[in-house]
Protein backbone atom coordinates (compact mmCIF):
# COMPACT_ATOMS: atom_id res chain seq x y z
CA UNK A 1 44.14 97.42 146.97
CA UNK A 2 45.68 94.74 143.96
CA UNK A 3 46.71 91.31 144.90
CA UNK A 4 50.37 89.92 144.69
CA UNK A 5 49.22 88.53 141.45
CA UNK A 6 47.64 91.21 140.02
CA UNK A 7 50.98 93.39 140.08
CA UNK A 8 53.24 90.65 138.68
CA UNK A 9 53.79 90.21 135.17
CA UNK A 10 53.03 86.66 133.75
CA UNK A 11 56.61 85.80 133.62
CA UNK A 12 57.12 86.91 137.19
CA UNK A 13 53.79 84.66 138.37
CA UNK A 14 55.66 81.53 136.56
CA UNK A 15 58.85 82.23 137.90
CA UNK A 16 57.57 82.27 141.34
CA UNK A 17 55.25 79.55 140.83
CA UNK A 18 58.60 77.24 139.76
CA UNK A 19 60.04 78.76 142.76
CA UNK A 20 57.79 77.73 145.12
CA UNK A 21 56.19 74.60 143.71
CA UNK A 22 58.23 71.44 143.09
CA UNK A 23 58.08 70.07 139.41
CA UNK A 24 55.95 67.16 140.50
CA UNK A 25 53.67 69.25 142.10
CA UNK A 26 53.33 72.08 139.04
CA UNK A 27 53.14 69.32 136.36
CA UNK A 28 50.24 67.74 138.65
CA UNK A 29 48.49 71.58 138.82
CA UNK A 30 48.95 72.07 134.97
CA UNK A 31 47.42 68.92 133.97
CA UNK A 32 44.60 69.48 136.15
CA UNK A 33 43.82 73.00 134.04
CA UNK A 34 44.54 71.52 130.54
CA UNK A 35 40.45 71.55 130.14
CA UNK A 36 40.51 74.99 130.79
CA UNK A 37 42.04 76.27 127.81
CA UNK A 38 39.64 76.50 124.73
CA UNK A 39 42.70 76.23 122.46
CA UNK A 40 45.65 73.73 123.17
CA UNK A 41 48.41 75.87 121.77
CA UNK A 42 48.52 78.52 124.74
CA UNK A 43 48.50 75.91 127.63
CA UNK A 44 51.58 73.87 125.43
CA UNK A 45 53.06 77.36 125.37
CA UNK A 46 52.78 77.90 129.09
CA UNK A 47 54.38 74.47 129.72
CA UNK A 48 57.22 75.17 127.50
CA UNK A 49 57.91 78.47 129.51
CA UNK A 50 57.88 76.68 132.60
CA UNK A 51 59.79 74.02 131.30
CA UNK A 52 62.46 76.58 130.54
CA UNK A 53 62.71 77.93 133.76
CA UNK A 54 63.37 74.71 135.98
CA UNK A 55 67.26 73.84 136.48
CA UNK A 56 67.68 70.70 133.50
CA UNK A 57 67.06 67.91 136.03
CA UNK A 58 63.93 69.37 137.32
CA UNK A 59 62.49 70.19 133.81
CA UNK A 60 62.83 66.77 132.77
CA UNK A 61 60.68 65.63 135.73
CA UNK A 62 58.46 68.20 134.86
CA UNK A 63 58.12 67.55 131.41
CA UNK A 64 57.88 63.72 132.36
CA UNK A 65 55.27 64.26 134.77
CA UNK A 66 53.06 66.73 132.78
CA UNK A 67 52.84 64.40 130.07
CA UNK A 68 52.00 61.20 131.90
CA UNK A 69 49.24 62.97 133.89
CA UNK A 70 47.82 64.22 130.40
CA UNK A 71 48.03 60.70 129.29
CA UNK A 72 46.10 59.36 132.26
CA UNK A 73 43.41 62.33 131.38
CA UNK A 74 43.21 60.80 128.10
CA UNK A 75 44.87 64.00 126.68
CA UNK A 76 47.62 64.48 123.89
CA UNK A 77 51.25 65.14 125.59
CA UNK A 78 52.57 68.80 125.35
CA UNK A 79 54.19 69.93 122.05
CA UNK A 80 57.47 70.65 123.06
CA UNK A 81 58.62 72.01 120.15
CA UNK A 82 58.81 75.70 119.41
CA UNK A 83 56.32 76.46 116.83
CA UNK A 84 57.57 79.65 114.52
CA UNK A 85 55.09 82.28 114.41
CA UNK A 86 52.61 82.31 111.18
CA UNK A 87 51.90 85.49 109.65
CA UNK A 88 48.54 85.92 108.46
CA UNK A 89 47.98 86.10 104.48
CA UNK A 90 45.57 89.06 104.01
CA UNK A 91 43.19 88.72 100.99
CA UNK A 92 42.38 91.79 99.18
CA UNK A 93 39.07 92.12 97.85
CA UNK A 94 38.90 92.42 94.10
C-alpha cells in the first residue's frame, strides 16, 4: 500500500508542508537539507515555490529565516529571482 507521500504530487506535498508547518520551522528544515542537493538550483527553486505558497507576511518570515539559517551554515542565500529558462544549443557535427 502506498504511503501518503507517494500519493501526492510535489505541489501537493509542498502545500501540505506549508499548511502544517510554521514558516520558521519549515525554513529551519530547508536549511538543514541544503547540503543534500548536488546542484543548488533545484534547492532554490523549491524554496521559491514554498515562499509563494505562504501568505505575504509568513512568506517574508520564511525567506528571512531561511537566508539567515543558510548564512549560519556558511552557505549562500537563496537566489530569490526567478531564472529564465535556458535553451540548449545543439552543435551539428561537420
